[in-house]
Amino acid sequence: MSWELLLWLLALCALLALVVQLLRFLRADADLTLLWAEWQGRRPEWELTDMVVWVTGASSGIGEELAYQLSKLGVSLVLSARRMHELERVKRKCLENGNLKEKDILILPLDLTDRSSHEMATKAVLQEFGRIDILVNNGGVSQRALCVDTSLDVFKELIELNYLGTVSLTKCVLPHMIERKQGKIVTVNSMVGIIAAPLSTGYCASKHALRGFFNTLRSELATYPGITISNICPGPVQSNIVKNALTEEVTKPTGSTADQSYKMATSRCVRLMLVAMANDLKEVWISDQPFLLMIYLWQYMPTLAWWLTNKAAKRRIENFKSGVDWVHVSPLSKHFHTIKRCSP
C-alpha cells in the first residue's frame, strides 16, 4: 500500500468520525463528556449506594425528582425546603416507591435566606446520620422581568436566596467534609449561569456568581482530592420554576401554568445529574437542542453567540411586552410554545 493511499484512508476515517460526532451532537441532550460517562462511566447504582445525601429545594421540580430517584438507590436522605407539608408528601412517595425505611429519611425545613439557621441545620443532619456524603444545592428562584422595571428588592432576593444562601450552607457543611477528606458538593446551576438571557438579569447574575464561586472553591480544595465540586447546568426542564419566578416586584410571581411538553422531562435531567455525581464530573450541561448548541457557542464561539442572542432577545422582549413571556420554536416541528403572564 502506497503512502498516498494510506493518507487518503486516514483522511476518510477522520471525516467519517467527524460526521458521526456531528450526528451524535444533533441528537444529544447533554454535553458529550456527560453522555460518554453515561455510556462507559461509573453507574449511580454502584457509586451512590449507602451515602447520606442532603437535598435542598426538595419539595418540587428537580429536587423532588432527585429525592425519588435517590430513594431507589438505597441512600439516606435529608430533604429540605421551606414548605413542610410538601416535604412530607415527597417523603411518603419515597417510602412508597423507593427502597428506604422511615429511619432513612430526615425532613429538615430550611429557609436559605435565614443564614443564621444553617449551622444548626447542619448539626441536626450530623446528629441524625453521623456524616454528610453529598450536599445538593438545589434551592432557588428564577426571574421574568425587564431590568429597567425591576425593583432592587428583587435583585436582593435573588442574590440572598440563589447565591448567599447556597454559599452559607456550603460553608457550614464544608468543614465536616474537610475533616473527613471526602464528600461531594453538587450545585444545580443553570445554562444562564454560562450564557445571557434577557428578562433574567438578576437570575443570570446570581447563577454566574455561583459558577464563579464553586469553580474557585474547587481550586482551593485541590489538596483534598476526595472532595469534588460539580456544577450542574440544565436548560429548560419541566418544573414550577417559571410559575414561581419573580417579576418586577418580590410579591408578584408570574403564576404561569403553560404547557411544558417541549421541555426536557425532569426524570431524564435527574438521571443525568446522578451520572455526573457518580463520575465526579466538574461541570455538565443538560439540555435538548437548540439550547445545548447555544451553550457550546457561548463557550467556544462567543462572538457568534452574542449575535444570535441579540437577534433572539429583540423578539423575546417584544413578545414579553405584548403579554407573552417566552416563545420557543422547535427546530424540527416549528411549533410555537408560549407562556402567557398571569396576574397574581
C-alpha atoms as a PDB file:
ATOM      1  CA  MET A   1       0.000   0.000   0.000  1.00  0.00           C
ATOM      2  CA  SER A   2       1.390   3.385  -1.038  1.00  0.00           C
ATOM      3  CA  TRP A   3       1.787   6.263   1.408  1.00  0.00           C
ATOM      4  CA  GLU A   4      -0.596   8.360  -0.672  1.00  0.00           C
ATOM      5  CA  LEU A   5      -3.366   5.754  -0.396  1.00  0.00           C
ATOM      6  CA  LEU A   6      -2.760   5.389   3.344  1.00  0.00           C
ATOM      7  CA  LEU A   7      -3.076   9.132   3.833  1.00  0.00           C
ATOM      8  CA  TRP A   8      -6.334   9.171   1.845  1.00  0.00           C
ATOM      9  CA  LEU A   9      -7.726   6.363   4.018  1.00  0.00           C
ATOM     10  CA  LEU A  10      -6.752   8.177   7.210  1.00  0.00           C
ATOM     11  CA  ALA A  11      -8.403  11.371   5.948  1.00  0.00           C
ATOM     12  CA  LEU A  12     -11.560   9.430   5.079  1.00  0.00           C
ATOM     13  CA  CYS A  13     -11.655   7.841   8.546  1.00  0.00           C
ATOM     14  CA  ALA A  14     -11.222  11.249  10.157  1.00  0.00           C
ATOM     15  CA  LEU A  15     -14.068  12.647   8.050  1.00  0.00           C
ATOM     16  CA  LEU A  16     -16.353   9.738   8.938  1.00  0.00           C
ATOM     17  CA  ALA A  17     -15.527  10.169  12.626  1.00  0.00           C
ATOM     18  CA  LEU A  18     -16.388  13.861  12.362  1.00  0.00           C
ATOM     19  CA  VAL A  19     -19.730  13.080  10.698  1.00  0.00           C
ATOM     20  CA  VAL A  20     -20.561  10.515  13.397  1.00  0.00           C
ATOM     21  CA  GLN A  21     -19.758  13.012  16.141  1.00  0.00           C
ATOM     22  CA  LEU A  22     -21.895  15.665  14.433  1.00  0.00           C
ATOM     23  CA  LEU A  23     -24.853  13.293  14.203  1.00  0.00           C
ATOM     24  CA  ARG A  24     -24.398  12.374  17.875  1.00  0.00           C
ATOM     25  CA  PHE A  25     -24.339  16.037  18.814  1.00  0.00           C
ATOM     26  CA  LEU A  26     -27.539  16.814  16.897  1.00  0.00           C
ATOM     27  CA  ARG A  27     -29.302  14.118  18.917  1.00  0.00           C
ATOM     28  CA  ALA A  28     -27.571  14.954  22.197  1.00  0.00           C
ATOM     29  CA  ASP A  29     -29.428  16.095  25.316  1.00  0.00           C
ATOM     30  CA  ALA A  30     -26.247  16.791  27.306  1.00  0.00           C
ATOM     31  CA  ASP A  31     -22.609  17.665  26.734  1.00  0.00           C
ATOM     32  CA  LEU A  32     -20.607  14.883  25.114  1.00  0.00           C
ATOM     33  CA  THR A  33     -18.451  14.221  28.175  1.00  0.00           C
ATOM     34  CA  LEU A  34     -21.551  13.523  30.263  1.00  0.00           C
ATOM     35  CA  LEU A  35     -23.061  11.296  27.575  1.00  0.00           C
ATOM     36  CA  TRP A  36     -19.791   9.361  27.384  1.00  0.00           C
ATOM     37  CA  ALA A  37     -19.884   8.907  31.166  1.00  0.00           C
ATOM     38  CA  GLU A  38     -23.459   7.655  30.897  1.00  0.00           C
ATOM     39  CA  TRP A  39     -22.361   5.086  28.313  1.00  0.00           C
ATOM     40  CA  GLN A  40     -18.962   3.994  29.632  1.00  0.00           C
ATOM     41  CA  GLY A  41     -18.603   5.542  33.087  1.00  0.00           C
ATOM     42  CA  ARG A  42     -19.473   4.547  36.643  1.00  0.00           C
ATOM     43  CA  ARG A  43     -23.116   3.778  37.367  1.00  0.00           C
ATOM     44  CA  PRO A  44     -25.039   5.673  40.084  1.00  0.00           C
ATOM     45  CA  GLU A  45     -26.316   2.311  41.317  1.00  0.00           C
ATOM     46  CA  TRP A  46     -22.707   1.319  42.097  1.00  0.00           C
ATOM     47  CA  GLU A  47     -21.296   4.604  43.383  1.00  0.00           C
ATOM     48  CA  LEU A  48     -24.043   6.325  45.399  1.00  0.00           C
ATOM     49  CA  THR A  49     -25.490   3.463  47.433  1.00  0.00           C
ATOM     50  CA  ASP A  50     -25.353   3.863  51.239  1.00  0.00           C
ATOM     51  CA  MET A  51     -24.427   7.553  51.048  1.00  0.00           C
ATOM     52  CA  VAL A  52     -26.006  10.341  53.095  1.00  0.00           C
ATOM     53  CA  VAL A  53     -27.419  12.898  50.662  1.00  0.00           C
ATOM     54  CA  TRP A  54     -28.791  16.310  51.676  1.00  0.00           C
ATOM     55  CA  VAL A  55     -31.040  17.875  49.020  1.00  0.00           C
ATOM     56  CA  THR A  56     -32.272  21.458  49.270  1.00  0.00           C
ATOM     57  CA  GLY A  57     -35.268  22.614  47.258  1.00  0.00           C
ATOM     58  CA  ALA A  58     -36.627  19.076  47.614  1.00  0.00           C
ATOM     59  CA  SER A  59     -40.317  19.988  47.658  1.00  0.00           C
ATOM     60  CA  SER A  60     -40.800  20.293  43.883  1.00  0.00           C
ATOM     61  CA  GLY A  61     -39.205  20.121  40.448  1.00  0.00           C
ATOM     62  CA  ILE A  62     -35.673  18.782  40.085  1.00  0.00           C
ATOM     63  CA  GLY A  63     -35.207  18.422  43.856  1.00  0.00           C
ATOM     64  CA  GLU A  64     -38.362  16.340  44.226  1.00  0.00           C
ATOM     65  CA  GLU A  65     -37.467  14.044  41.340  1.00  0.00           C
ATOM     66  CA  LEU A  66     -33.932  13.717  42.691  1.00  0.00           C
ATOM     67  CA  ALA A  67     -35.353  12.527  46.011  1.00  0.00           C
ATOM     68  CA  TYR A  68     -37.415   9.861  44.236  1.00  0.00           C
ATOM     69  CA  GLN A  69     -34.519   8.525  42.178  1.00  0.00           C
ATOM     70  CA  LEU A  70     -32.111   8.591  45.114  1.00  0.00           C
ATOM     71  CA  SER A  71     -34.625   6.696  47.254  1.00  0.00           C
ATOM     72  CA  LYS A  72     -34.289   3.756  44.863  1.00  0.00           C
ATOM     73  CA  LEU A  73     -30.502   3.683  45.301  1.00  0.00           C
ATOM     74  CA  GLY A  74     -30.545   2.896  48.995  1.00  0.00           C
ATOM     75  CA  VAL A  75     -29.181   6.217  50.264  1.00  0.00           C
ATOM     76  CA  SER A  76     -30.027   8.069  53.475  1.00  0.00           C
ATOM     77  CA  LEU A  77     -31.955  11.205  52.512  1.00  0.00           C
ATOM     78  CA  VAL A  78     -32.219  14.646  54.077  1.00  0.00           C
ATOM     79  CA  LEU A  79     -34.994  16.655  52.433  1.00  0.00           C
ATOM     80  CA  SER A  80     -35.013  20.421  52.898  1.00  0.00           C
ATOM     81  CA  ALA A  81     -37.254  23.235  51.694  1.00  0.00           C
ATOM     82  CA  ARG A  82     -39.490  25.850  53.256  1.00  0.00           C
ATOM     83  CA  ARG A  83     -42.816  24.019  52.816  1.00  0.00           C
ATOM     84  CA  MET A  84     -43.105  21.314  55.452  1.00  0.00           C
ATOM     85  CA  HIS A  85     -46.297  19.774  54.049  1.00  0.00           C
ATOM     86  CA  GLU A  86     -44.728  19.360  50.611  1.00  0.00           C
ATOM     87  CA  LEU A  87     -41.677  17.679  52.133  1.00  0.00           C
ATOM     88  CA  GLU A  88     -43.994  15.261  53.946  1.00  0.00           C
ATOM     89  CA  ARG A  89     -45.649  14.443  50.617  1.00  0.00           C
ATOM     90  CA  VAL A  90     -42.279  13.798  48.950  1.00  0.00           C
ATOM     91  CA  LYS A  91     -41.204  11.611  51.868  1.00  0.00           C
ATOM     92  CA  ARG A  92     -44.369   9.497  51.646  1.00  0.00           C
ATOM     93  CA  LYS A  93     -43.811   8.901  47.952  1.00  0.00           C
ATOM     94  CA  CYS A  94     -40.155   7.988  48.562  1.00  0.00           C
ATOM     95  CA  LEU A  95     -41.243   5.387  51.119  1.00  0.00           C
ATOM     96  CA  GLU A  96     -43.951   4.022  48.817  1.00  0.00           C
ATOM     97  CA  ASN A  97     -41.845   3.715  45.660  1.00  0.00           C
ATOM     98  CA  GLY A  98     -38.250   3.564  46.900  1.00  0.00           C
ATOM     99  CA  ASN A  99     -36.069   1.179  48.894  1.00  0.00           C
ATOM    100  CA  LEU A 100     -35.965   3.248  52.068  1.00  0.00           C
ATOM    101  CA  LYS A 101     -37.451   2.949  55.529  1.00  0.00           C
ATOM    102  CA  GLU A 102     -38.762   5.685  57.806  1.00  0.00           C
ATOM    103  CA  LYS A 103     -35.399   5.976  59.585  1.00  0.00           C
ATOM    104  CA  ASP A 104     -33.602   6.612  56.290  1.00  0.00           C
ATOM    105  CA  ILE A 105     -35.318   9.927  55.562  1.00  0.00           C
ATOM    106  CA  LEU A 106     -34.976  13.110  57.602  1.00  0.00           C
ATOM    107  CA  ILE A 107     -37.260  16.048  56.866  1.00  0.00           C
ATOM    108  CA  LEU A 108     -35.455  19.266  57.731  1.00  0.00           C
ATOM    109  CA  PRO A 109     -37.340  22.501  56.926  1.00  0.00           C
ATOM    110  CA  LEU A 110     -34.869  25.136  55.776  1.00  0.00           C
ATOM    111  CA  ASP A 111     -35.009  28.725  54.569  1.00  0.00           C
ATOM    112  CA  LEU A 112     -31.867  29.507  52.588  1.00  0.00           C
ATOM    113  CA  THR A 113     -32.316  33.217  53.260  1.00  0.00           C
ATOM    114  CA  ASP A 114     -32.194  32.598  57.029  1.00  0.00           C
ATOM    115  CA  ARG A 115     -28.438  32.121  57.131  1.00  0.00           C
ATOM    116  CA  SER A 116     -28.321  32.063  60.931  1.00  0.00           C
ATOM    117  CA  SER A 117     -30.169  28.715  60.878  1.00  0.00           C
ATOM    118  CA  HIS A 118     -27.757  26.885  58.573  1.00  0.00           C
ATOM    119  CA  GLU A 119     -25.211  25.887  61.219  1.00  0.00           C
ATOM    120  CA  MET A 120     -27.903  24.362  63.415  1.00  0.00           C
ATOM    121  CA  ALA A 121     -29.419  22.534  60.443  1.00  0.00           C
ATOM    122  CA  THR A 122     -26.004  21.054  59.592  1.00  0.00           C
ATOM    123  CA  LYS A 123     -25.569  19.864  63.164  1.00  0.00           C
ATOM    124  CA  ALA A 124     -29.029  18.260  63.031  1.00  0.00           C
ATOM    125  CA  VAL A 125     -28.046  16.222  59.958  1.00  0.00           C
ATOM    126  CA  LEU A 126     -24.771  15.122  61.538  1.00  0.00           C
ATOM    127  CA  GLN A 127     -26.561  14.154  64.737  1.00  0.00           C
ATOM    128  CA  GLU A 128     -29.080  12.070  62.781  1.00  0.00           C
ATOM    129  CA  PHE A 129     -26.750  10.291  60.330  1.00  0.00           C
ATOM    130  CA  GLY A 130     -23.221  10.994  61.577  1.00  0.00           C
ATOM    131  CA  ARG A 131     -21.938  12.310  58.247  1.00  0.00           C
ATOM    132  CA  ILE A 132     -22.828  14.160  55.047  1.00  0.00           C
ATOM    133  CA  ASP A 133     -21.512  12.489  51.908  1.00  0.00           C
ATOM    134  CA  ILE A 134     -23.271  14.651  49.315  1.00  0.00           C
ATOM    135  CA  LEU A 135     -24.747  18.132  49.560  1.00  0.00           C
ATOM    136  CA  VAL A 136     -27.029  19.011  46.645  1.00  0.00           C
ATOM    137  CA  ASN A 137     -27.588  22.767  46.458  1.00  0.00           C
ATOM    138  CA  ASN A 138     -30.835  22.900  44.518  1.00  0.00           C
ATOM    139  CA  GLY A 139     -32.902  25.626  46.203  1.00  0.00           C
ATOM    140  CA  GLY A 140     -33.532  28.831  44.269  1.00  0.00           C
ATOM    141  CA  VAL A 141     -35.936  31.036  42.344  1.00  0.00           C
ATOM    142  CA  SER A 142     -35.981  32.448  38.804  1.00  0.00           C
ATOM    143  CA  GLN A 143     -36.991  35.808  37.329  1.00  0.00           C
ATOM    144  CA  ARG A 144     -39.050  37.174  34.419  1.00  0.00           C
ATOM    145  CA  ALA A 145     -38.897  40.966  34.094  1.00  0.00           C
ATOM    146  CA  LEU A 146     -37.076  43.754  32.295  1.00  0.00           C
ATOM    147  CA  CYS A 147     -34.192  45.180  34.287  1.00  0.00           C
ATOM    148  CA  VAL A 148     -35.438  48.757  33.945  1.00  0.00           C
ATOM    149  CA  ASP A 149     -38.802  47.832  35.521  1.00  0.00           C
ATOM    150  CA  THR A 150     -37.458  45.614  38.295  1.00  0.00           C
ATOM    151  CA  SER A 151     -37.331  46.714  41.923  1.00  0.00           C
ATOM    152  CA  LEU A 152     -33.935  46.483  43.604  1.00  0.00           C
ATOM    153  CA  ASP A 153     -35.633  44.263  46.200  1.00  0.00           C
ATOM    154  CA  VAL A 154     -35.983  41.561  43.526  1.00  0.00           C
ATOM    155  CA  PHE A 155     -32.235  41.613  42.856  1.00  0.00           C
ATOM    156  CA  LYS A 156     -31.564  41.442  46.599  1.00  0.00           C
ATOM    157  CA  GLU A 157     -33.921  38.456  46.974  1.00  0.00           C
ATOM    158  CA  LEU A 158     -32.288  36.599  44.074  1.00  0.00           C
ATOM    159  CA  ILE A 159     -28.790  37.132  45.454  1.00  0.00           C
ATOM    160  CA  GLU A 160     -29.857  36.293  49.020  1.00  0.00           C
ATOM    161  CA  LEU A 161     -31.601  33.065  48.025  1.00  0.00           C
ATOM    162  CA  ASN A 162     -29.741  31.757  44.983  1.00  0.00           C
ATOM    163  CA  TYR A 163     -26.228  32.871  45.869  1.00  0.00           C
ATOM    164  CA  LEU A 164     -25.633  33.829  49.506  1.00  0.00           C
ATOM    165  CA  GLY A 165     -27.966  31.150  50.883  1.00  0.00           C
ATOM    166  CA  THR A 166     -26.176  28.460  48.887  1.00  0.00           C
ATOM    167  CA  VAL A 167     -22.734  29.788  49.837  1.00  0.00           C
ATOM    168  CA  SER A 168     -23.731  29.929  53.515  1.00  0.00           C
ATOM    169  CA  LEU A 169     -24.967  26.331  53.637  1.00  0.00           C
ATOM    170  CA  THR A 170     -21.912  25.122  51.726  1.00  0.00           C
ATOM    171  CA  LYS A 171     -19.606  26.856  54.227  1.00  0.00           C
ATOM    172  CA  CYS A 172     -21.410  25.092  57.087  1.00  0.00           C
ATOM    173  CA  VAL A 173     -21.007  21.638  55.511  1.00  0.00           C
ATOM    174  CA  LEU A 174     -17.504  22.122  54.101  1.00  0.00           C
ATOM    175  CA  PRO A 175     -15.515  21.860  57.400  1.00  0.00           C
ATOM    176  CA  HIS A 176     -17.089  18.428  58.010  1.00  0.00           C
ATOM    177  CA  MET A 177     -16.028  17.241  54.541  1.00  0.00           C
ATOM    178  CA  ILE A 178     -12.518  18.664  55.012  1.00  0.00           C
ATOM    179  CA  GLU A 179     -12.225  16.831  58.318  1.00  0.00           C
ATOM    180  CA  ARG A 180     -13.215  13.562  56.613  1.00  0.00           C
ATOM    181  CA  LYS A 181     -11.239  14.473  53.454  1.00  0.00           C
ATOM    182  CA  GLN A 182     -14.119  13.362  51.292  1.00  0.00           C
ATOM    183  CA  GLY A 183     -17.519  14.460  50.066  1.00  0.00           C
ATOM    184  CA  LYS A 184     -19.387  15.782  47.058  1.00  0.00           C
ATOM    185  CA  ILE A 185     -20.859  19.274  46.706  1.00  0.00           C
ATOM    186  CA  VAL A 186     -23.301  19.354  43.807  1.00  0.00           C
ATOM    187  CA  THR A 187     -24.874  22.654  42.796  1.00  0.00           C
ATOM    188  CA  VAL A 188     -27.808  22.921  40.417  1.00  0.00           C
ATOM    189  CA  ASN A 189     -26.875  25.999  38.435  1.00  0.00           C
ATOM    190  CA  SER A 190     -28.427  26.780  35.032  1.00  0.00           C
ATOM    191  CA  MET A 191     -27.492  27.272  31.398  1.00  0.00           C
ATOM    192  CA  VAL A 192     -27.948  31.003  32.145  1.00  0.00           C
ATOM    193  CA  GLY A 193     -25.017  30.655  34.522  1.00  0.00           C
ATOM    194  CA  ILE A 194     -22.993  30.376  31.289  1.00  0.00           C
ATOM    195  CA  ILE A 195     -24.939  32.383  28.700  1.00  0.00           C
ATOM    196  CA  ALA A 196     -27.025  35.577  28.801  1.00  0.00           C
ATOM    197  CA  ALA A 197     -30.831  35.528  28.788  1.00  0.00           C
ATOM    198  CA  PRO A 198     -32.965  38.678  28.523  1.00  0.00           C
ATOM    199  CA  LEU A 199     -35.673  39.205  31.187  1.00  0.00           C
ATOM    200  CA  SER A 200     -33.455  37.425  33.741  1.00  0.00           C
ATOM    201  CA  THR A 201     -30.747  39.925  34.683  1.00  0.00           C
ATOM    202  CA  GLY A 202     -30.902  39.207  38.409  1.00  0.00           C
ATOM    203  CA  TYR A 203     -31.281  35.459  37.963  1.00  0.00           C
ATOM    204  CA  CYS A 204     -28.377  35.306  35.484  1.00  0.00           C
ATOM    205  CA  ALA A 205     -26.217  37.356  37.844  1.00  0.00           C
ATOM    206  CA  SER A 206     -26.898  35.002  40.760  1.00  0.00           C
ATOM    207  CA  LYS A 207     -26.126  31.916  38.654  1.00  0.00           C
ATOM    208  CA  HIS A 208     -22.938  33.412  37.185  1.00  0.00           C
ATOM    209  CA  ALA A 209     -21.876  34.210  40.749  1.00  0.00           C
ATOM    210  CA  LEU A 210     -22.486  30.604  41.822  1.00  0.00           C
ATOM    211  CA  ARG A 211     -20.425  29.261  38.940  1.00  0.00           C
ATOM    212  CA  GLY A 212     -17.546  31.577  39.776  1.00  0.00           C
ATOM    213  CA  PHE A 213     -17.704  30.730  43.468  1.00  0.00           C
ATOM    214  CA  PHE A 214     -17.696  26.958  43.053  1.00  0.00           C
ATOM    215  CA  ASN A 215     -15.057  26.943  40.313  1.00  0.00           C
ATOM    216  CA  THR A 216     -12.789  28.937  42.615  1.00  0.00           C
ATOM    217  CA  LEU A 217     -13.647  26.786  45.629  1.00  0.00           C
ATOM    218  CA  ARG A 218     -12.638  23.731  43.624  1.00  0.00           C
ATOM    219  CA  SER A 219      -9.193  25.220  43.107  1.00  0.00           C
ATOM    220  CA  GLU A 220      -8.875  25.919  46.847  1.00  0.00           C
ATOM    221  CA  LEU A 221      -9.691  22.276  47.569  1.00  0.00           C
ATOM    222  CA  ALA A 222      -7.003  20.896  45.243  1.00  0.00           C
ATOM    223  CA  THR A 223      -5.186  19.414  48.243  1.00  0.00           C
ATOM    224  CA  TYR A 224      -8.325  17.398  49.073  1.00  0.00           C
ATOM    225  CA  PRO A 225      -8.846  15.178  46.011  1.00  0.00           C
ATOM    226  CA  GLY A 226     -11.580  13.289  47.854  1.00  0.00           C
ATOM    227  CA  ILE A 227     -13.813  16.377  47.878  1.00  0.00           C
ATOM    228  CA  THR A 228     -15.424  17.025  44.494  1.00  0.00           C
ATOM    229  CA  ILE A 229     -17.342  20.075  43.274  1.00  0.00           C
ATOM    230  CA  SER A 230     -19.903  19.598  40.498  1.00  0.00           C
ATOM    231  CA  ASN A 231     -21.788  22.357  38.680  1.00  0.00           C
ATOM    232  CA  ILE A 232     -24.982  21.120  37.021  1.00  0.00           C
ATOM    233  CA  CYS A 233     -26.224  23.467  34.288  1.00  0.00           C
ATOM    234  CA  PRO A 234     -29.665  22.432  32.973  1.00  0.00           C
ATOM    235  CA  GLY A 235     -31.580  24.124  30.196  1.00  0.00           C
ATOM    236  CA  PRO A 236     -35.406  24.219  30.131  1.00  0.00           C
ATOM    237  CA  VAL A 237     -36.740  21.403  32.341  1.00  0.00           C
ATOM    238  CA  GLN A 238     -40.326  20.582  33.306  1.00  0.00           C
ATOM    239  CA  SER A 239     -40.852  22.178  36.734  1.00  0.00           C
ATOM    240  CA  ASN A 240     -42.545  25.076  38.507  1.00  0.00           C
ATOM    241  CA  ILE A 241     -39.580  27.400  38.088  1.00  0.00           C
ATOM    242  CA  VAL A 242     -41.405  29.730  35.683  1.00  0.00           C
ATOM    243  CA  LYS A 243     -44.620  29.633  37.723  1.00  0.00           C
ATOM    244  CA  ASN A 244     -42.727  30.701  40.853  1.00  0.00           C
ATOM    245  CA  ALA A 245     -40.395  33.151  39.088  1.00  0.00           C
ATOM    246  CA  LEU A 246     -40.201  36.685  40.422  1.00  0.00           C
ATOM    247  CA  THR A 247     -41.350  39.570  38.243  1.00  0.00           C
ATOM    248  CA  GLU A 248     -40.712  43.270  38.746  1.00  0.00           C
ATOM    249  CA  GLU A 249     -41.775  43.002  42.402  1.00  0.00           C
ATOM    250  CA  VAL A 250     -40.883  40.360  45.008  1.00  0.00           C
ATOM    251  CA  THR A 251     -44.569  39.835  45.847  1.00  0.00           C
ATOM    252  CA  LYS A 252     -45.603  39.185  42.207  1.00  0.00           C
ATOM    253  CA  PRO A 253     -44.665  35.726  40.872  1.00  0.00           C
ATOM    254  CA  THR A 254     -45.568  35.033  37.250  1.00  0.00           C
ATOM    255  CA  GLY A 255     -48.166  32.380  38.164  1.00  0.00           C
ATOM    256  CA  SER A 256     -47.746  30.785  34.728  1.00  0.00           C
ATOM    257  CA  THR A 257     -49.339  27.359  34.177  1.00  0.00           C
ATOM    258  CA  ALA A 258     -48.445  26.996  30.497  1.00  0.00           C
ATOM    259  CA  ASP A 259     -47.704  23.783  28.630  1.00  0.00           C
ATOM    260  CA  GLN A 260     -44.202  22.447  29.273  1.00  0.00           C
ATOM    261  CA  SER A 261     -44.210  19.459  26.957  1.00  0.00           C
ATOM    262  CA  TYR A 262     -41.396  20.921  24.835  1.00  0.00           C
ATOM    263  CA  LYS A 263     -39.043  20.991  27.837  1.00  0.00           C
ATOM    264  CA  MET A 264     -36.825  18.122  28.961  1.00  0.00           C
ATOM    265  CA  ALA A 265     -38.524  15.614  31.246  1.00  0.00           C
ATOM    266  CA  THR A 266     -37.455  16.100  34.855  1.00  0.00           C
ATOM    267  CA  SER A 267     -36.710  12.377  35.201  1.00  0.00           C
ATOM    268  CA  ARG A 268     -34.180  12.483  32.335  1.00  0.00           C
ATOM    269  CA  CYS A 269     -32.468  15.583  33.731  1.00  0.00           C
ATOM    270  CA  VAL A 270     -32.123  13.983  37.173  1.00  0.00           C
ATOM    271  CA  ARG A 271     -30.797  10.710  35.754  1.00  0.00           C
ATOM    272  CA  LEU A 272     -28.033  12.625  34.001  1.00  0.00           C
ATOM    273  CA  MET A 273     -27.349  14.507  37.239  1.00  0.00           C
ATOM    274  CA  LEU A 274     -26.844  11.197  39.042  1.00  0.00           C
ATOM    275  CA  VAL A 275     -24.420  10.075  36.326  1.00  0.00           C
ATOM    276  CA  ALA A 276     -22.472  13.309  36.808  1.00  0.00           C
ATOM    277  CA  MET A 277     -22.390  12.740  40.577  1.00  0.00           C
ATOM    278  CA  ALA A 278     -21.264   9.131  40.209  1.00  0.00           C
ATOM    279  CA  ASN A 279     -18.432  10.130  37.863  1.00  0.00           C
ATOM    280  CA  ASP A 280     -17.353  13.279  39.756  1.00  0.00           C
ATOM    281  CA  LEU A 281     -17.719  15.478  36.685  1.00  0.00           C
ATOM    282  CA  LYS A 282     -16.760  19.091  37.367  1.00  0.00           C
ATOM    283  CA  GLU A 283     -19.399  20.745  35.174  1.00  0.00           C
ATOM    284  CA  VAL A 284     -22.144  19.317  32.996  1.00  0.00           C
ATOM    285  CA  TRP A 285     -24.608  20.836  30.557  1.00  0.00           C
ATOM    286  CA  ILE A 286     -28.017  19.152  30.374  1.00  0.00           C
ATOM    287  CA  SER A 287     -30.379  20.384  27.676  1.00  0.00           C
ATOM    288  CA  ASP A 288     -32.131  19.470  24.472  1.00  0.00           C
ATOM    289  CA  GLN A 289     -31.297  21.187  21.220  1.00  0.00           C
ATOM    290  CA  PRO A 290     -31.109  24.011  20.214  1.00  0.00           C
ATOM    291  CA  PHE A 291     -30.284  25.195  23.748  1.00  0.00           C
ATOM    292  CA  LEU A 292     -27.312  22.823  24.059  1.00  0.00           C
ATOM    293  CA  LEU A 293     -25.857  24.262  20.862  1.00  0.00           C
ATOM    294  CA  MET A 294     -26.152  27.771  22.311  1.00  0.00           C
ATOM    295  CA  ILE A 295     -24.119  26.756  25.377  1.00  0.00           C
ATOM    296  CA  TYR A 296     -21.378  25.348  23.137  1.00  0.00           C
ATOM    297  CA  LEU A 297     -21.382  28.539  21.059  1.00  0.00           C
ATOM    298  CA  TRP A 298     -21.096  30.721  24.170  1.00  0.00           C
ATOM    299  CA  GLN A 299     -18.194  28.596  25.367  1.00  0.00           C
ATOM    300  CA  TYR A 300     -16.251  28.282  22.103  1.00  0.00           C
ATOM    301  CA  MET A 301     -17.620  30.932  19.665  1.00  0.00           C
ATOM    302  CA  PRO A 302     -18.771  33.851  21.843  1.00  0.00           C
ATOM    303  CA  THR A 303     -18.936  36.426  19.027  1.00  0.00           C
ATOM    304  CA  LEU A 304     -21.407  34.311  17.061  1.00  0.00           C
ATOM    305  CA  ALA A 305     -23.283  33.517  20.268  1.00  0.00           C
ATOM    306  CA  TRP A 306     -23.660  37.229  21.048  1.00  0.00           C
ATOM    307  CA  TRP A 307     -25.035  37.892  17.578  1.00  0.00           C
ATOM    308  CA  LEU A 308     -27.622  35.106  17.866  1.00  0.00           C
ATOM    309  CA  THR A 309     -28.550  36.121  21.419  1.00  0.00           C
ATOM    310  CA  ASN A 310     -29.176  39.727  20.407  1.00  0.00           C
ATOM    311  CA  LYS A 311     -31.353  38.572  17.495  1.00  0.00           C
ATOM    312  CA  ALA A 312     -33.449  36.375  19.794  1.00  0.00           C
ATOM    313  CA  ALA A 313     -33.552  38.973  22.569  1.00  0.00           C
ATOM    314  CA  LYS A 314     -35.328  41.568  20.433  1.00  0.00           C
ATOM    315  CA  ARG A 315     -38.106  39.143  19.614  1.00  0.00           C
ATOM    316  CA  ARG A 316     -38.380  37.842  23.140  1.00  0.00           C
ATOM    317  CA  ILE A 317     -38.687  41.320  24.625  1.00  0.00           C
ATOM    318  CA  GLU A 318     -41.332  42.278  22.048  1.00  0.00           C
ATOM    319  CA  ASN A 319     -43.341  39.179  22.958  1.00  0.00           C
ATOM    320  CA  PHE A 320     -42.889  39.864  26.653  1.00  0.00           C
ATOM    321  CA  LYS A 321     -44.248  43.403  26.290  1.00  0.00           C
ATOM    322  CA  SER A 322     -47.244  42.055  24.396  1.00  0.00           C
ATOM    323  CA  GLY A 323     -48.039  39.606  27.201  1.00  0.00           C
ATOM    324  CA  VAL A 324     -46.096  36.524  26.139  1.00  0.00           C
ATOM    325  CA  ASP A 325     -43.186  35.702  28.410  1.00  0.00           C
ATOM    326  CA  TRP A 326     -41.428  33.095  26.301  1.00  0.00           C
ATOM    327  CA  VAL A 327     -41.623  31.728  22.807  1.00  0.00           C
ATOM    328  CA  HIS A 328     -39.865  28.516  21.923  1.00  0.00           C
ATOM    329  CA  VAL A 329     -39.687  27.328  18.340  1.00  0.00           C
ATOM    330  CA  SER A 330     -38.879  23.656  17.978  1.00  0.00           C
ATOM    331  CA  PRO A 331     -36.194  23.250  15.300  1.00  0.00           C
ATOM    332  CA  LEU A 332     -37.984  20.161  13.984  1.00  0.00           C
ATOM    333  CA  SER A 333     -41.690  20.813  14.283  1.00  0.00           C
ATOM    334  CA  LYS A 334     -41.614  24.634  14.025  1.00  0.00           C
ATOM    335  CA  HIS A 335     -44.445  24.716  16.556  1.00  0.00           C
ATOM    336  CA  PHE A 336     -44.704  27.667  18.894  1.00  0.00           C
ATOM    337  CA  HIS A 337     -44.938  27.150  22.644  1.00  0.00           C
ATOM    338  CA  THR A 338     -45.982  30.235  24.587  1.00  0.00           C
ATOM    339  CA  ILE A 339     -46.227  31.142  28.231  1.00  0.00           C
ATOM    340  CA  LYS A 340     -48.638  33.932  28.975  1.00  0.00           C
ATOM    341  CA  ARG A 341     -48.068  36.023  32.054  1.00  0.00           C
ATOM    342  CA  CYS A 342     -50.770  35.747  34.659  1.00  0.00           C
ATOM    343  CA  SER A 343     -51.814  38.368  37.138  1.00  0.00           C
ATOM    344  CA  PRO A 344     -51.193  37.260  40.734  1.00  0.00           C
END
